[in-house]
């Protein structure tokens, strides 16, 4: 894994956790909304895996954020 990939995983992990806790959602609720297993969602929030593009689209729609925000290219 390159340093860029590691940074991306860590940023995504932090943003997913921040958005979920800010909205007071459980991991189970988010996983259900995204139509993925809890275990799969946990791998994203733990920084062990990257969602595929369709899952990323579902995540940004669910939280009403941009992809640039989710991956750390912007702060808003």
PDB file of N, CA and C in Angstrom:
ATOM      1  N   UNK A   1       0.855  -1.176   0.000  1.00  0.00           N
ATOM      2  CA  UNK A   1       0.000   0.000   0.000  1.00  0.00           C
ATOM      3  C   UNK A   1       0.901   1.239   0.000  1.00  0.00           C
ATOM      4  N   UNK A   2       0.556   2.169  -0.860  1.00  0.00           N
ATOM      5  CA  UNK A   2       1.330   3.412  -0.920  1.00  0.00           C
ATOM      6  C   UNK A   2       0.922   4.341   0.222  1.00  0.00           C
ATOM      7  N   UNK A   3       1.737   5.340   0.465  1.00  0.00           N
ATOM      8  CA  UNK A   3       1.428   6.323   1.503  1.00  0.00           C
ATOM      9  C   UNK A   3       0.151   7.088   1.153  1.00  0.00           C
ATOM     10  N   UNK A   4      -0.060   7.336  -0.131  1.00  0.00           N
ATOM     11  CA  UNK A   4      -1.271   8.035  -0.562  1.00  0.00           C
ATOM     12  C   UNK A   4      -2.517   7.209  -0.254  1.00  0.00           C
ATOM     13  N   UNK A   5      -2.428   5.904  -0.520  1.00  0.00           N
ATOM     14  CA  UNK A   5      -3.560   5.030  -0.223  1.00  0.00           C
ATOM     15  C   UNK A   5      -3.810   4.954   1.282  1.00  0.00           C
ATOM     16  N   UNK A   6      -2.767   4.912   2.057  1.00  0.00           N
ATOM     17  CA  UNK A   6      -2.907   4.869   3.514  1.00  0.00           C
ATOM     18  C   UNK A   6      -3.561   6.140   4.035  1.00  0.00           C
ATOM     19  N   UNK A   7      -3.170   7.276   3.496  1.00  0.00           N
ATOM     20  CA  UNK A   7      -3.763   8.554   3.901  1.00  0.00           C
ATOM     21  C   UNK A   7      -5.232   8.601   3.513  1.00  0.00           C
ATOM     22  N   UNK A   8      -5.551   8.136   2.316  1.00  0.00           N
ATOM     23  CA  UNK A   8      -6.943   8.104   1.863  1.00  0.00           C
ATOM     24  C   UNK A   8      -7.784   7.228   2.781  1.00  0.00           C
ATOM     25  N   UNK A   9      -7.303   6.047   3.106  1.00  0.00           N
ATOM     26  CA  UNK A   9      -8.038   5.157   4.007  1.00  0.00           C
ATOM     27  C   UNK A   9      -8.253   5.799   5.367  1.00  0.00           C
ATOM     28  N   UNK A  10      -7.226   6.452   5.891  1.00  0.00           N
ATOM     29  CA  UNK A  10      -7.346   7.071   7.205  1.00  0.00           C
ATOM     30  C   UNK A  10      -8.315   8.246   7.179  1.00  0.00           C
ATOM     31  N   UNK A  11      -8.253   9.045   6.131  1.00  0.00           N
ATOM     32  CA  UNK A  11      -9.174  10.180   6.015  1.00  0.00           C
ATOM     33  C   UNK A  11     -10.604   9.699   5.894  1.00  0.00           C
ATOM     34  N   UNK A  12     -10.831   8.719   5.043  1.00  0.00           N
ATOM     35  CA  UNK A  12     -12.174   8.168   4.878  1.00  0.00           C
ATOM     36  C   UNK A  12     -12.680   7.596   6.193  1.00  0.00           C
ATOM     37  N   UNK A  13     -11.827   6.871   6.888  1.00  0.00           N
ATOM     38  CA  UNK A  13     -12.181   6.291   8.186  1.00  0.00           C
ATOM     39  C   UNK A  13     -12.627   7.370   9.164  1.00  0.00           C
ATOM     40  N   UNK A  14     -11.843   8.428   9.249  1.00  0.00           N
ATOM     41  CA  UNK A  14     -12.161   9.527  10.172  1.00  0.00           C
ATOM     42  C   UNK A  14     -13.457  10.225   9.790  1.00  0.00           C
ATOM     43  N   UNK A  15     -13.631  10.484   8.507  1.00  0.00           N
ATOM     44  CA  UNK A  15     -14.839  11.200   8.061  1.00  0.00           C
ATOM     45  C   UNK A  15     -16.088  10.346   8.273  1.00  0.00           C
ATOM     46  N   UNK A  16     -16.001   9.061   7.975  1.00  0.00           N
ATOM     47  CA  UNK A  16     -17.165   8.197   8.192  1.00  0.00           C
ATOM     48  C   UNK A  16     -17.547   8.161   9.664  1.00  0.00           C
ATOM     49  N   UNK A  17     -16.567   8.029  10.520  1.00  0.00           N
ATOM     50  CA  UNK A  17     -16.834   8.012  11.956  1.00  0.00           C
ATOM     51  C   UNK A  17     -17.402   9.343  12.417  1.00  0.00           C
ATOM     52  N   UNK A  18     -16.821  10.446  11.956  1.00  0.00           N
ATOM     53  CA  UNK A  18     -17.306  11.769  12.339  1.00  0.00           C
ATOM     54  C   UNK A  18     -18.758  11.974  11.910  1.00  0.00           C
ATOM     55  N   UNK A  19     -19.068  11.669  10.657  1.00  0.00           N
ATOM     56  CA  UNK A  19     -20.425  11.880  10.148  1.00  0.00           C
ATOM     57  C   UNK A  19     -21.437  11.012  10.891  1.00  0.00           C
ATOM     58  N   UNK A  20     -21.063   9.775  11.152  1.00  0.00           N
ATOM     59  CA  UNK A  20     -21.984   8.881  11.846  1.00  0.00           C
ATOM     60  C   UNK A  20     -22.244   9.350  13.267  1.00  0.00           C
ATOM     61  N   UNK A  21     -21.194   9.697  13.995  1.00  0.00           N
ATOM     62  CA  UNK A  21     -21.398  10.110  15.382  1.00  0.00           C
ATOM     63  C   UNK A  21     -22.056  11.481  15.472  1.00  0.00           C
ATOM     64  N   UNK A  22     -21.733  12.366  14.546  1.00  0.00           N
ATOM     65  CA  UNK A  22     -22.371  13.688  14.527  1.00  0.00           C
ATOM     66  C   UNK A  22     -23.887  13.559  14.369  1.00  0.00           C
ATOM     67  N   UNK A  23     -24.302  12.605  13.564  1.00  0.00           N
ATOM     68  CA  UNK A  23     -25.728  12.387  13.324  1.00  0.00           C
ATOM     69  C   UNK A  23     -26.358  11.413  14.310  1.00  0.00           C
ATOM     70  N   UNK A  24     -25.539  10.927  15.257  1.00  0.00           N
ATOM     71  CA  UNK A  24     -26.000   9.992  16.284  1.00  0.00           C
ATOM     72  C   UNK A  24     -26.607   8.725  15.681  1.00  0.00           C
ATOM     73  N   UNK A  25     -25.960   8.205  14.623  1.00  0.00           N
ATOM     74  CA  UNK A  25     -26.375   6.962  13.992  1.00  0.00           C
ATOM     75  C   UNK A  25     -25.526   5.819  14.538  1.00  0.00           C
ATOM     76  N   UNK A  26     -26.124   4.672  14.594  1.00  0.00           N
ATOM     77  CA  UNK A  26     -25.354   3.474  14.907  1.00  0.00           C
ATOM     78  C   UNK A  26     -24.721   2.958  13.617  1.00  0.00           C
ATOM     79  N   UNK A  27     -23.696   2.157  13.772  1.00  0.00           N
ATOM     80  CA  UNK A  27     -23.081   1.533  12.593  1.00  0.00           C
ATOM     81  C   UNK A  27     -24.104   0.668  11.868  1.00  0.00           C
ATOM     82  N   UNK A  28     -24.941  -0.016  12.621  1.00  0.00           N
ATOM     83  CA  UNK A  28     -25.973  -0.882  12.035  1.00  0.00           C
ATOM     84  C   UNK A  28     -26.943  -0.069  11.194  1.00  0.00           C
ATOM     85  N   UNK A  29     -27.359   1.085  11.692  1.00  0.00           N
ATOM     86  CA  UNK A  29     -28.292   1.915  10.934  1.00  0.00           C
ATOM     87  C   UNK A  29     -27.676   2.362   9.617  1.00  0.00           C
ATOM     88  N   UNK A  30     -26.426   2.801   9.662  1.00  0.00           N
ATOM     89  CA  UNK A  30     -25.760   3.247   8.443  1.00  0.00           C
ATOM     90  C   UNK A  30     -25.633   2.081   7.464  1.00  0.00           C
ATOM     91  N   UNK A  31     -25.205   0.930   7.950  1.00  0.00           N
ATOM     92  CA  UNK A  31     -25.067  -0.238   7.081  1.00  0.00           C
ATOM     93  C   UNK A  31     -26.400  -0.595   6.436  1.00  0.00           C
ATOM     94  N   UNK A  32     -27.464  -0.567   7.222  1.00  0.00           N
ATOM     95  CA  UNK A  32     -28.794  -0.861   6.676  1.00  0.00           C
ATOM     96  C   UNK A  32     -29.190   0.146   5.604  1.00  0.00           C
ATOM     97  N   UNK A  33     -28.939   1.410   5.855  1.00  0.00           N
ATOM     98  CA  UNK A  33     -29.279   2.452   4.874  1.00  0.00           C
ATOM     99  C   UNK A  33     -28.495   2.281   3.573  1.00  0.00           C
ATOM    100  N   UNK A  34     -27.279   1.787   3.698  1.00  0.00           N
ATOM    101  CA  UNK A  34     -26.428   1.605   2.520  1.00  0.00           C
ATOM    102  C   UNK A  34     -26.618   0.239   1.874  1.00  0.00           C
ATOM    103  N   UNK A  35     -27.460  -0.578   2.472  1.00  0.00           N
ATOM    104  CA  UNK A  35     -27.727  -1.936   1.976  1.00  0.00           C
ATOM    105  C   UNK A  35     -26.454  -2.782   1.891  1.00  0.00           C
ATOM    106  N   UNK A  36     -25.647  -2.675   2.941  1.00  0.00           N
ATOM    107  CA  UNK A  36     -24.446  -3.496   3.057  1.00  0.00           C
ATOM    108  C   UNK A  36     -24.456  -4.129   4.446  1.00  0.00           C
ATOM    109  N   UNK A  37     -23.637  -5.136   4.617  1.00  0.00           N
ATOM    110  CA  UNK A  37     -23.587  -5.778   5.937  1.00  0.00           C
ATOM    111  C   UNK A  37     -22.881  -4.864   6.939  1.00  0.00           C
ATOM    112  N   UNK A  38     -23.188  -5.087   8.184  1.00  0.00           N
ATOM    113  CA  UNK A  38     -22.529  -4.351   9.254  1.00  0.00           C
ATOM    114  C   UNK A  38     -21.024  -4.588   9.196  1.00  0.00           C
ATOM    115  N   UNK A  39     -20.632  -5.816   8.954  1.00  0.00           N
ATOM    116  CA  UNK A  39     -19.212  -6.158   8.885  1.00  0.00           C
ATOM    117  C   UNK A  39     -18.504  -5.380   7.769  1.00  0.00           C
ATOM    118  N   UNK A  40     -19.149  -5.257   6.631  1.00  0.00           N
ATOM    119  CA  UNK A  40     -18.567  -4.498   5.521  1.00  0.00           C
ATOM    120  C   UNK A  40     -18.416  -3.035   5.904  1.00  0.00           C
ATOM    121  N   UNK A  41     -19.475  -2.457   6.481  1.00  0.00           N
ATOM    122  CA  UNK A  41     -19.389  -1.055   6.887  1.00  0.00           C
ATOM    123  C   UNK A  41     -18.268  -0.858   7.907  1.00  0.00           C
ATOM    124  N   UNK A  42     -18.163  -1.766   8.846  1.00  0.00           N
ATOM    125  CA  UNK A  42     -17.119  -1.635   9.868  1.00  0.00           C
ATOM    126  C   UNK A  42     -15.726  -1.640   9.248  1.00  0.00           C
ATOM    127  N   UNK A  43     -15.519  -2.398   8.183  1.00  0.00           N
ATOM    128  CA  UNK A  43     -14.196  -2.385   7.542  1.00  0.00           C
ATOM    129  C   UNK A  43     -13.891  -1.015   6.953  1.00  0.00           C
ATOM    130  N   UNK A  44     -14.916  -0.306   6.505  1.00  0.00           N
ATOM    131  CA  UNK A  44     -14.705   1.046   5.970  1.00  0.00           C
ATOM    132  C   UNK A  44     -14.377   2.020   7.095  1.00  0.00           C
ATOM    133  N   UNK A  45     -15.151   1.945   8.176  1.00  0.00           N
ATOM    134  CA  UNK A  45     -14.949   2.881   9.274  1.00  0.00           C
ATOM    135  C   UNK A  45     -13.680   2.571  10.075  1.00  0.00           C
ATOM    136  N   UNK A  46     -13.201   1.356   9.984  1.00  0.00           N
ATOM    137  CA  UNK A  46     -11.949   0.988  10.656  1.00  0.00           C
ATOM    138  C   UNK A  46     -10.733   1.232   9.760  1.00  0.00           C
ATOM    139  N   UNK A  47     -10.977   1.600   8.510  1.00  0.00           N
ATOM    140  CA  UNK A  47      -9.879   1.882   7.595  1.00  0.00           C
ATOM    141  C   UNK A  47      -9.223   0.641   7.028  1.00  0.00           C
ATOM    142  N   UNK A  48      -9.936  -0.474   7.038  1.00  0.00           N
ATOM    143  CA  UNK A  48      -9.379  -1.723   6.519  1.00  0.00           C
ATOM    144  C   UNK A  48      -9.721  -1.971   5.057  1.00  0.00           C
ATOM    145  N   UNK A  49     -10.682  -1.224   4.513  1.00  0.00           N
ATOM    146  CA  UNK A  49     -11.096  -1.421   3.125  1.00  0.00           C
ATOM    147  C   UNK A  49     -11.706  -0.128   2.585  1.00  0.00           C
ATOM    148  N   UNK A  50     -11.709  -0.025   1.273  1.00  0.00           N
ATOM    149  CA  UNK A  50     -12.346   1.108   0.591  1.00  0.00           C
ATOM    150  C   UNK A  50     -13.664   0.665  -0.016  1.00  0.00           C
ATOM    151  N   UNK A  51     -14.706   1.482   0.104  1.00  0.00           N
ATOM    152  CA  UNK A  51     -15.953   1.145  -0.574  1.00  0.00           C
ATOM    153  C   UNK A  51     -15.760   1.243  -2.082  1.00  0.00           C
ATOM    154  N   UNK A  52     -16.578   0.498  -2.823  1.00  0.00           N
ATOM    155  CA  UNK A  52     -16.525   0.655  -4.274  1.00  0.00           C
ATOM    156  C   UNK A  52     -17.253   1.944  -4.654  1.00  0.00           C
ATOM    157  N   UNK A  53     -17.193   2.314  -5.906  1.00  0.00           N
ATOM    158  CA  UNK A  53     -17.722   3.607  -6.350  1.00  0.00           C
ATOM    159  C   UNK A  53     -19.221   3.729  -6.096  1.00  0.00           C
ATOM    160  N   UNK A  54     -19.975   2.661  -6.297  1.00  0.00           N
ATOM    161  CA  UNK A  54     -21.421   2.739  -6.053  1.00  0.00           C
ATOM    162  C   UNK A  54     -21.726   2.932  -4.571  1.00  0.00           C
ATOM    163  N   UNK A  55     -20.945   2.288  -3.722  1.00  0.00           N
ATOM    164  CA  UNK A  55     -21.120   2.486  -2.281  1.00  0.00           C
ATOM    165  C   UNK A  55     -20.726   3.905  -1.874  1.00  0.00           C
ATOM    166  N   UNK A  56     -19.678   4.442  -2.477  1.00  0.00           N
ATOM    167  CA  UNK A  56     -19.297   5.832  -2.194  1.00  0.00           C
ATOM    168  C   UNK A  56     -20.425   6.789  -2.567  1.00  0.00           C
ATOM    169  N   UNK A  57     -21.054   6.545  -3.693  1.00  0.00           N
ATOM    170  CA  UNK A  57     -22.180   7.392  -4.104  1.00  0.00           C
ATOM    171  C   UNK A  57     -23.309   7.297  -3.086  1.00  0.00           C
ATOM    172  N   UNK A  58     -23.607   6.087  -2.627  1.00  0.00           N
ATOM    173  CA  UNK A  58     -24.648   5.916  -1.605  1.00  0.00           C
ATOM    174  C   UNK A  58     -24.278   6.645  -0.316  1.00  0.00           C
ATOM    175  N   UNK A  59     -23.009   6.576   0.070  1.00  0.00           N
ATOM    176  CA  UNK A  59     -22.562   7.247   1.295  1.00  0.00           C
ATOM    177  C   UNK A  59     -22.694   8.761   1.175  1.00  0.00           C
ATOM    178  N   UNK A  60     -22.251   9.338   0.070  1.00  0.00           N
ATOM    179  CA  UNK A  60     -22.339  10.796  -0.057  1.00  0.00           C
ATOM    180  C   UNK A  60     -23.780  11.256  -0.155  1.00  0.00           C
ATOM    181  N   UNK A  61     -24.641  10.442  -0.772  1.00  0.00           N
ATOM    182  CA  UNK A  61     -26.063  10.784  -0.800  1.00  0.00           C
ATOM    183  C   UNK A  61     -26.677  10.689   0.595  1.00  0.00           C
ATOM    184  N   UNK A  62     -26.334   9.645   1.326  1.00  0.00           N
ATOM    185  CA  UNK A  62     -26.887   9.439   2.669  1.00  0.00           C
ATOM    186  C   UNK A  62     -26.514  10.585   3.600  1.00  0.00           C
ATOM    187  N   UNK A  63     -25.260  11.004   3.571  1.00  0.00           N
ATOM    188  CA  UNK A  63     -24.804  12.067   4.467  1.00  0.00           C
ATOM    189  C   UNK A  63     -24.907  13.459   3.860  1.00  0.00           C
ATOM    190  N   UNK A  64     -25.278  13.542   2.585  1.00  0.00           N
ATOM    191  CA  UNK A  64     -25.397  14.819   1.878  1.00  0.00           C
ATOM    192  C   UNK A  64     -24.081  15.607   1.945  1.00  0.00           C
ATOM    193  N   UNK A  65     -23.007  14.936   1.552  1.00  0.00           N
ATOM    194  CA  UNK A  65     -21.681  15.551   1.484  1.00  0.00           C
ATOM    195  C   UNK A  65     -21.129  15.289   0.081  1.00  0.00           C
ATOM    196  N   UNK A  66     -20.009  15.911  -0.220  1.00  0.00           N
ATOM    197  CA  UNK A  66     -19.370  15.675  -1.508  1.00  0.00           C
ATOM    198  C   UNK A  66     -18.317  14.579  -1.382  1.00  0.00           C
ATOM    199  N   UNK A  67     -17.971  14.011  -2.503  1.00  0.00           N
ATOM    200  CA  UNK A  67     -16.894  13.029  -2.516  1.00  0.00           C
ATOM    201  C   UNK A  67     -15.579  13.682  -2.106  1.00  0.00           C
ATOM    202  N   UNK A  68     -15.362  14.917  -2.544  1.00  0.00           N
ATOM    203  CA  UNK A  68     -14.148  15.627  -2.156  1.00  0.00           C
ATOM    204  C   UNK A  68     -14.050  15.747  -0.635  1.00  0.00           C
ATOM    205  N   UNK A  69     -15.155  16.023   0.035  1.00  0.00           N
ATOM    206  CA  UNK A  69     -15.129  16.089   1.504  1.00  0.00           C
ATOM    207  C   UNK A  69     -14.810  14.721   2.093  1.00  0.00           C
ATOM    208  N   UNK A  70     -15.485  13.704   1.590  1.00  0.00           N
ATOM    209  CA  UNK A  70     -15.336  12.374   2.162  1.00  0.00           C
ATOM    210  C   UNK A  70     -13.906  11.854   2.077  1.00  0.00           C
ATOM    211  N   UNK A  71     -13.201  12.209   1.015  1.00  0.00           N
ATOM    212  CA  UNK A  71     -11.823  11.719   0.851  1.00  0.00           C
ATOM    213  C   UNK A  71     -10.775  12.744   1.233  1.00  0.00           C
ATOM    214  N   UNK A  72     -11.190  13.870   1.802  1.00  0.00           N
ATOM    215  CA  UNK A  72     -10.244  14.818   2.362  1.00  0.00           C
ATOM    216  C   UNK A  72      -9.700  15.856   1.410  1.00  0.00           C
ATOM    217  N   UNK A  73     -10.331  16.044   0.261  1.00  0.00           N
ATOM    218  CA  UNK A  73      -9.853  17.056  -0.671  1.00  0.00           C
ATOM    219  C   UNK A  73     -10.378  18.443  -0.344  1.00  0.00           C
ATOM    220  N   UNK A  74     -11.384  18.500   0.513  1.00  0.00           N
ATOM    221  CA  UNK A  74     -11.941  19.771   0.975  1.00  0.00           C
ATOM    222  C   UNK A  74     -12.438  19.571   2.399  1.00  0.00           C
ATOM    223  N   UNK A  75     -12.568  20.662   3.118  1.00  0.00           N
ATOM    224  CA  UNK A  75     -13.019  20.586   4.514  1.00  0.00           C
ATOM    225  C   UNK A  75     -14.511  20.856   4.684  1.00  0.00           C
ATOM    226  N   UNK A  76     -15.202  21.138   3.592  1.00  0.00           N
ATOM    227  CA  UNK A  76     -16.649  21.416   3.723  1.00  0.00           C
ATOM    228  C   UNK A  76     -17.428  20.661   2.674  1.00  0.00           C
TER     229      UNK A  76
END
